[in-house]
Amino acid sequence: LLLPSLLTIAMSRLDFADRGRGTGLWTAS
């Protein structure tokens, strides 16, 4: 439950155009 929660919170703070890059950085982290 933690992992998708943190990813959802992180992506909700990014503009739509930046979400792909944000997802990649989150996955790398």
PDB file of all heavy atoms in Angstrom:
ATOM      1  N   LEU A   1       0.823  -1.210   0.000  1.00  0.00           N
ATOM      2  CA  LEU A   1       0.000   0.000   0.000  1.00  0.00           C
ATOM      3  C   LEU A   1       0.856   1.257   0.000  1.00  0.00           C
ATOM      4  O   LEU A   1       0.455   2.294  -0.522  1.00  0.00           O
ATOM      5  CB  LEU A   1      -0.926   0.004   1.218  1.00  0.00           C
ATOM      6  CG  LEU A   1      -1.982  -1.090   1.261  1.00  0.00           C
ATOM      7  CD1 LEU A   1      -2.698  -1.091   2.609  1.00  0.00           C
ATOM      8  CD2 LEU A   1      -2.968  -0.910   0.131  1.00  0.00           C
ATOM      9  N   LEU A   2       2.042   1.153   0.580  1.00  0.00           N
ATOM     10  CA  LEU A   2       2.925   2.316   0.691  1.00  0.00           C
ATOM     11  C   LEU A   2       3.466   2.766  -0.662  1.00  0.00           C
ATOM     12  O   LEU A   2       3.451   3.967  -0.974  1.00  0.00           O
ATOM     13  CB  LEU A   2       4.085   1.988   1.633  1.00  0.00           C
ATOM     14  CG  LEU A   2       5.109   3.088   1.867  1.00  0.00           C
ATOM     15  CD1 LEU A   2       4.456   4.257   2.579  1.00  0.00           C
ATOM     16  CD2 LEU A   2       6.260   2.548   2.681  1.00  0.00           C
ATOM     17  N   LEU A   3       3.930   1.835  -1.460  1.00  0.00           N
ATOM     18  CA  LEU A   3       4.569   2.215  -2.720  1.00  0.00           C
ATOM     19  C   LEU A   3       3.629   2.954  -3.674  1.00  0.00           C
ATOM     20  O   LEU A   3       3.974   4.037  -4.152  1.00  0.00           O
ATOM     21  CB  LEU A   3       5.192   0.991  -3.383  1.00  0.00           C
ATOM     22  CG  LEU A   3       6.343   0.377  -2.586  1.00  0.00           C
ATOM     23  CD1 LEU A   3       6.833  -0.893  -3.256  1.00  0.00           C
ATOM     24  CD2 LEU A   3       7.463   1.358  -2.409  1.00  0.00           C
ATOM     25  N   PRO A   4       2.432   2.443  -3.963  1.00  0.00           N
ATOM     26  CA  PRO A   4       1.563   3.222  -4.848  1.00  0.00           C
ATOM     27  C   PRO A   4       1.078   4.521  -4.201  1.00  0.00           C
ATOM     28  O   PRO A   4       0.837   5.508  -4.901  1.00  0.00           O
ATOM     29  CB  PRO A   4       0.402   2.281  -5.168  1.00  0.00           C
ATOM     30  CG  PRO A   4       0.444   1.221  -4.144  1.00  0.00           C
ATOM     31  CD  PRO A   4       1.862   1.133  -3.663  1.00  0.00           C
ATOM     32  N   SER A   5       0.975   4.538  -2.877  1.00  0.00           N
ATOM     33  CA  SER A   5       0.580   5.772  -2.197  1.00  0.00           C
ATOM     34  C   SER A   5       1.633   6.858  -2.392  1.00  0.00           C
ATOM     35  O   SER A   5       1.315   7.998  -2.736  1.00  0.00           O
ATOM     36  CB  SER A   5       0.364   5.523  -0.703  1.00  0.00           C
ATOM     37  OG  SER A   5      -0.690   4.637  -0.487  1.00  0.00           O
ATOM     38  N   LEU A   6       2.894   6.488  -2.167  1.00  0.00           N
ATOM     39  CA  LEU A   6       3.974   7.469  -2.341  1.00  0.00           C
ATOM     40  C   LEU A   6       4.095   7.918  -3.788  1.00  0.00           C
ATOM     41  O   LEU A   6       4.317   9.100  -4.067  1.00  0.00           O
ATOM     42  CB  LEU A   6       5.301   6.882  -1.850  1.00  0.00           C
ATOM     43  CG  LEU A   6       5.419   6.669  -0.349  1.00  0.00           C
ATOM     44  CD1 LEU A   6       6.722   5.967  -0.016  1.00  0.00           C
ATOM     45  CD2 LEU A   6       5.316   7.984   0.399  1.00  0.00           C
ATOM     46  N   LEU A   7       3.937   6.994  -4.719  1.00  0.00           N
ATOM     47  CA  LEU A   7       4.006   7.358  -6.138  1.00  0.00           C
ATOM     48  C   LEU A   7       2.855   8.283  -6.514  1.00  0.00           C
ATOM     49  O   LEU A   7       3.060   9.272  -7.223  1.00  0.00           O
ATOM     50  CB  LEU A   7       3.995   6.104  -7.009  1.00  0.00           C
ATOM     51  CG  LEU A   7       4.097   6.341  -8.519  1.00  0.00           C
ATOM     52  CD1 LEU A   7       5.391   7.059  -8.869  1.00  0.00           C
ATOM     53  CD2 LEU A   7       4.003   5.021  -9.262  1.00  0.00           C
ATOM     54  N   THR A   8       1.673   8.013  -6.020  1.00  0.00           N
ATOM     55  CA  THR A   8       0.518   8.863  -6.306  1.00  0.00           C
ATOM     56  C   THR A   8       0.729  10.264  -5.752  1.00  0.00           C
ATOM     57  O   THR A   8       0.447  11.259  -6.430  1.00  0.00           O
ATOM     58  CB  THR A   8      -0.761   8.241  -5.709  1.00  0.00           C
ATOM     59  OG1 THR A   8      -0.954   6.957  -6.288  1.00  0.00           O
ATOM     60  CG2 THR A   8      -1.974   9.100  -5.967  1.00  0.00           C
ATOM     61  N   ILE A   9       1.242  10.348  -4.529  1.00  0.00           N
ATOM     62  CA  ILE A   9       1.505  11.656  -3.924  1.00  0.00           C
ATOM     63  C   ILE A   9       2.561  12.411  -4.730  1.00  0.00           C
ATOM     64  O   ILE A   9       2.414  13.600  -5.031  1.00  0.00           O
ATOM     65  CB  ILE A   9       1.935  11.495  -2.459  1.00  0.00           C
ATOM     66  CG1 ILE A   9       0.761  11.009  -1.621  1.00  0.00           C
ATOM     67  CG2 ILE A   9       2.484  12.796  -1.897  1.00  0.00           C
ATOM     68  CD1 ILE A   9       1.150  10.534  -0.237  1.00  0.00           C
ATOM     69  N   ALA A  10       3.627  11.715  -5.102  1.00  0.00           N
ATOM     70  CA  ALA A  10       4.698  12.366  -5.860  1.00  0.00           C
ATOM     71  C   ALA A  10       4.201  12.860  -7.215  1.00  0.00           C
ATOM     72  O   ALA A  10       4.501  13.981  -7.630  1.00  0.00           O
ATOM     73  CB  ALA A  10       5.870  11.405  -6.044  1.00  0.00           C
ATOM     74  N   MET A  11       3.432  12.048  -7.914  1.00  0.00           N
ATOM     75  CA  MET A  11       2.960  12.428  -9.247  1.00  0.00           C
ATOM     76  C   MET A  11       1.912  13.529  -9.188  1.00  0.00           C
ATOM     77  O   MET A  11       1.821  14.349 -10.099  1.00  0.00           O
ATOM     78  CB  MET A  11       2.390  11.222  -9.999  1.00  0.00           C
ATOM     79  CG  MET A  11       3.418  10.169 -10.355  1.00  0.00           C
ATOM     80  SD  MET A  11       4.808  10.800 -11.307  1.00  0.00           S
ATOM     81  CE  MET A  11       6.097  10.769 -10.076  1.00  0.00           C
ATOM     82  N   SER A  12       1.151  13.585  -8.108  1.00  0.00           N
ATOM     83  CA  SER A  12       0.116  14.616  -8.002  1.00  0.00           C
ATOM     84  C   SER A  12       0.722  16.009  -7.848  1.00  0.00           C
ATOM     85  O   SER A  12       0.049  17.002  -8.110  1.00  0.00           O
ATOM     86  CB  SER A  12      -0.813  14.324  -6.825  1.00  0.00           C
ATOM     87  OG  SER A  12      -0.151  14.517  -5.594  1.00  0.00           O
ATOM     88  N   ARG A  13       1.970  16.084  -7.466  1.00  0.00           N
ATOM     89  CA  ARG A  13       2.638  17.377  -7.289  1.00  0.00           C
ATOM     90  C   ARG A  13       3.362  17.854  -8.540  1.00  0.00           C
ATOM     91  O   ARG A  13       3.943  18.940  -8.537  1.00  0.00           O
ATOM     92  CB  ARG A  13       3.613  17.291  -6.122  1.00  0.00           C
ATOM     93  CG  ARG A  13       2.884  17.056  -4.817  1.00  0.00           C
ATOM     94  CD  ARG A  13       3.807  16.963  -3.663  1.00  0.00           C
ATOM     95  NE  ARG A  13       3.005  16.756  -2.451  1.00  0.00           N
ATOM     96  CZ  ARG A  13       3.510  16.554  -1.274  1.00  0.00           C
ATOM     97  NH1 ARG A  13       4.816  16.534  -1.111  1.00  0.00           N
ATOM     98  NH2 ARG A  13       2.735  16.372  -0.232  1.00  0.00           N
ATOM     99  N   LEU A  14       3.338  17.033  -9.584  1.00  0.00           N
ATOM    100  CA  LEU A  14       4.015  17.395 -10.828  1.00  0.00           C
ATOM    101  C   LEU A  14       3.000  17.810 -11.888  1.00  0.00           C
ATOM    102  O   LEU A  14       1.871  17.327 -11.905  1.00  0.00           O
ATOM    103  CB  LEU A  14       4.821  16.213 -11.361  1.00  0.00           C
ATOM    104  CG  LEU A  14       5.991  15.733 -10.515  1.00  0.00           C
ATOM    105  CD1 LEU A  14       6.620  14.497 -11.140  1.00  0.00           C
ATOM    106  CD2 LEU A  14       7.032  16.833 -10.362  1.00  0.00           C
ATOM    107  N   ASP A  15       3.432  18.699 -12.770  1.00  0.00           N
ATOM    108  CA  ASP A  15       2.604  19.030 -13.929  1.00  0.00           C
ATOM    109  C   ASP A  15       2.498  17.800 -14.814  1.00  0.00           C
ATOM    110  O   ASP A  15       3.378  16.933 -14.823  1.00  0.00           O
ATOM    111  CB  ASP A  15       3.233  20.176 -14.726  1.00  0.00           C
ATOM    112  CG  ASP A  15       3.209  21.493 -13.965  1.00  0.00           C
ATOM    113  OD1 ASP A  15       2.287  21.676 -13.145  1.00  0.00           O
ATOM    114  OD2 ASP A  15       4.108  22.321 -14.196  1.00  0.00           O
ATOM    115  N   PHE A  16       1.434  17.753 -15.606  1.00  0.00           N
ATOM    116  CA  PHE A  16       1.202  16.596 -16.462  1.00  0.00           C
ATOM    117  C   PHE A  16       2.392  16.323 -17.377  1.00  0.00           C
ATOM    118  O   PHE A  16       2.794  15.179 -17.562  1.00  0.00           O
ATOM    119  CB  PHE A  16      -0.072  16.810 -17.296  1.00  0.00           C
ATOM    120  CG  PHE A  16      -0.421  15.635 -18.132  1.00  0.00           C
ATOM    121  CD1 PHE A  16      -0.998  14.510 -17.564  1.00  0.00           C
ATOM    122  CD2 PHE A  16      -0.165  15.634 -19.496  1.00  0.00           C
ATOM    123  CE1 PHE A  16      -1.319  13.411 -18.337  1.00  0.00           C
ATOM    124  CE2 PHE A  16      -0.476  14.532 -20.276  1.00  0.00           C
ATOM    125  CZ  PHE A  16      -1.057  13.419 -19.700  1.00  0.00           C
ATOM    126  N   ALA A  17       2.995  17.375 -17.922  1.00  0.00           N
ATOM    127  CA  ALA A  17       4.110  17.217 -18.859  1.00  0.00           C
ATOM    128  C   ALA A  17       5.362  16.640 -18.192  1.00  0.00           C
ATOM    129  O   ALA A  17       6.212  16.072 -18.865  1.00  0.00           O
ATOM    130  CB  ALA A  17       4.445  18.562 -19.499  1.00  0.00           C
ATOM    131  N   ASP A  18       5.464  16.762 -16.883  1.00  0.00           N
ATOM    132  CA  ASP A  18       6.649  16.291 -16.161  1.00  0.00           C
ATOM    133  C   ASP A  18       6.463  14.932 -15.496  1.00  0.00           C
ATOM    134  O   ASP A  18       7.387  14.409 -14.885  1.00  0.00           O
ATOM    135  CB  ASP A  18       7.046  17.310 -15.088  1.00  0.00           C
ATOM    136  CG  ASP A  18       7.480  18.624 -15.690  1.00  0.00           C
ATOM    137  OD1 ASP A  18       8.069  18.601 -16.781  1.00  0.00           O
ATOM    138  OD2 ASP A  18       7.212  19.670 -15.065  1.00  0.00           O
ATOM    139  N   ARG A  19       5.301  14.341 -15.615  1.00  0.00           N
ATOM    140  CA  ARG A  19       5.025  13.098 -14.885  1.00  0.00           C
ATOM    141  C   ARG A  19       5.807  11.902 -15.408  1.00  0.00           C
ATOM    142  O   ARG A  19       6.172  11.029 -14.636  1.00  0.00           O
ATOM    143  CB  ARG A  19       3.532  12.807 -14.881  1.00  0.00           C
ATOM    144  CG  ARG A  19       2.808  13.774 -13.977  1.00  0.00           C
ATOM    145  CD  ARG A  19       1.367  13.437 -13.813  1.00  0.00           C
ATOM    146  NE  ARG A  19       0.747  14.469 -12.976  1.00  0.00           N
ATOM    147  CZ  ARG A  19      -0.532  14.566 -12.778  1.00  0.00           C
ATOM    148  NH1 ARG A  19      -1.355  13.704 -13.346  1.00  0.00           N
ATOM    149  NH2 ARG A  19      -1.010  15.510 -12.010  1.00  0.00           N
ATOM    150  N   GLY A  20       6.091  11.851 -16.679  1.00  0.00           N
ATOM    151  CA  GLY A  20       6.889  10.744 -17.210  1.00  0.00           C
ATOM    152  C   GLY A  20       8.295  10.761 -16.633  1.00  0.00           C
ATOM    153  O   GLY A  20       8.813   9.735 -16.174  1.00  0.00           O
ATOM    154  N   ARG A  21       8.916  11.925 -16.642  1.00  0.00           N
ATOM    155  CA  ARG A  21      10.258  12.073 -16.069  1.00  0.00           C
ATOM    156  C   ARG A  21      10.217  11.823 -14.564  1.00  0.00           C
ATOM    157  O   ARG A  21      11.095  11.168 -14.001  1.00  0.00           O
ATOM    158  CB  ARG A  21      10.790  13.482 -16.352  1.00  0.00           C
ATOM    159  CG  ARG A  21      12.235  13.666 -15.990  1.00  0.00           C
ATOM    160  CD  ARG A  21      12.793  15.038 -16.378  1.00  0.00           C
ATOM    161  NE  ARG A  21      12.470  15.418 -17.736  1.00  0.00           N
ATOM    162  CZ  ARG A  21      11.666  16.451 -18.072  1.00  0.00           C
ATOM    163  NH1 ARG A  21      11.116  17.186 -17.127  1.00  0.00           N
ATOM    164  NH2 ARG A  21      11.426  16.738 -19.319  1.00  0.00           N
ATOM    165  N   GLY A  22       9.189  12.318 -13.901  1.00  0.00           N
ATOM    166  CA  GLY A  22       9.043  12.101 -12.457  1.00  0.00           C
ATOM    167  C   GLY A  22       8.887  10.633 -12.108  1.00  0.00           C
ATOM    168  O   GLY A  22       9.470  10.156 -11.132  1.00  0.00           O
ATOM    169  N   THR A  23       8.123   9.911 -12.926  1.00  0.00           N
ATOM    170  CA  THR A  23       7.955   8.476 -12.691  1.00  0.00           C
ATOM    171  C   THR A  23       9.279   7.745 -12.856  1.00  0.00           C
ATOM    172  O   THR A  23       9.617   6.850 -12.080  1.00  0.00           O
ATOM    173  CB  THR A  23       6.899   7.886 -13.649  1.00  0.00           C
ATOM    174  OG1 THR A  23       5.675   8.593 -13.468  1.00  0.00           O
ATOM    175  CG2 THR A  23       6.681   6.415 -13.393  1.00  0.00           C
ATOM    176  N   GLY A  24      10.060   8.143 -13.861  1.00  0.00           N
ATOM    177  CA  GLY A  24      11.373   7.528 -14.065  1.00  0.00           C
ATOM    178  C   GLY A  24      12.310   7.794 -12.899  1.00  0.00           C
ATOM    179  O   GLY A  24      13.006   6.881 -12.439  1.00  0.00           O
ATOM    180  N   LEU A  25      12.324   9.036 -12.412  1.00  0.00           N
ATOM    181  CA  LEU A  25      13.173   9.356 -11.263  1.00  0.00           C
ATOM    182  C   LEU A  25      12.709   8.620 -10.005  1.00  0.00           C
ATOM    183  O   LEU A  25      13.530   8.132  -9.223  1.00  0.00           O
ATOM    184  CB  LEU A  25      13.176  10.871 -11.020  1.00  0.00           C
ATOM    185  CG  LEU A  25      13.919  11.699 -12.057  1.00  0.00           C
ATOM    186  CD1 LEU A  25      13.651  13.183 -11.844  1.00  0.00           C
ATOM    187  CD2 LEU A  25      15.402  11.412 -12.004  1.00  0.00           C
ATOM    188  N   TRP A  26      11.404   8.526  -9.827  1.00  0.00           N
ATOM    189  CA  TRP A  26      10.877   7.806  -8.668  1.00  0.00           C
ATOM    190  C   TRP A  26      11.263   6.331  -8.742  1.00  0.00           C
ATOM    191  O   TRP A  26      11.697   5.744  -7.748  1.00  0.00           O
ATOM    192  CB  TRP A  26       9.347   7.959  -8.608  1.00  0.00           C
ATOM    193  CG  TRP A  26       8.767   7.473  -7.332  1.00  0.00           C
ATOM    194  CD1 TRP A  26       8.511   8.223  -6.222  1.00  0.00           C
ATOM    195  CD2 TRP A  26       8.382   6.139  -6.998  1.00  0.00           C
ATOM    196  NE1 TRP A  26       7.991   7.429  -5.226  1.00  0.00           N
ATOM    197  CE2 TRP A  26       7.894   6.138  -5.680  1.00  0.00           C
ATOM    198  CE3 TRP A  26       8.399   4.934  -7.689  1.00  0.00           C
ATOM    199  CZ2 TRP A  26       7.437   5.003  -5.048  1.00  0.00           C
ATOM    200  CZ3 TRP A  26       7.942   3.795  -7.051  1.00  0.00           C
ATOM    201  CH2 TRP A  26       7.466   3.841  -5.746  1.00  0.00           C
ATOM    202  N   THR A  27      11.131   5.738  -9.920  1.00  0.00           N
ATOM    203  CA  THR A  27      11.479   4.330 -10.098  1.00  0.00           C
ATOM    204  C   THR A  27      12.968   4.100  -9.862  1.00  0.00           C
ATOM    205  O   THR A  27      13.363   3.133  -9.207  1.00  0.00           O
ATOM    206  CB  THR A  27      11.074   3.847 -11.503  1.00  0.00           C
ATOM    207  OG1 THR A  27       9.667   4.070 -11.672  1.00  0.00           O
ATOM    208  CG2 THR A  27      11.363   2.375 -11.696  1.00  0.00           C
ATOM    209  N   ALA A  28      13.800   5.000 -10.375  1.00  0.00           N
ATOM    210  CA  ALA A  28      15.241   4.879 -10.156  1.00  0.00           C
ATOM    211  C   ALA A  28      15.569   4.975  -8.665  1.00  0.00           C
ATOM    212  O   ALA A  28      16.364   4.183  -8.142  1.00  0.00           O
ATOM    213  CB  ALA A  28      15.980   5.962 -10.934  1.00  0.00           C
ATOM    214  N   SER A  29      14.931   5.901  -7.977  1.00  0.00           N
ATOM    215  CA  SER A  29      15.157   6.048  -6.536  1.00  0.00           C
ATOM    216  C   SER A  29      14.711   4.807  -5.785  1.00  0.00           C
ATOM    217  O   SER A  29      15.377   4.345  -4.860  1.00  0.00           O
ATOM    218  CB  SER A  29      14.399   7.263  -6.001  1.00  0.00           C
ATOM    219  OG  SER A  29      14.843   8.433  -6.619  1.00  0.00           O
TER     220      SER A  29
END
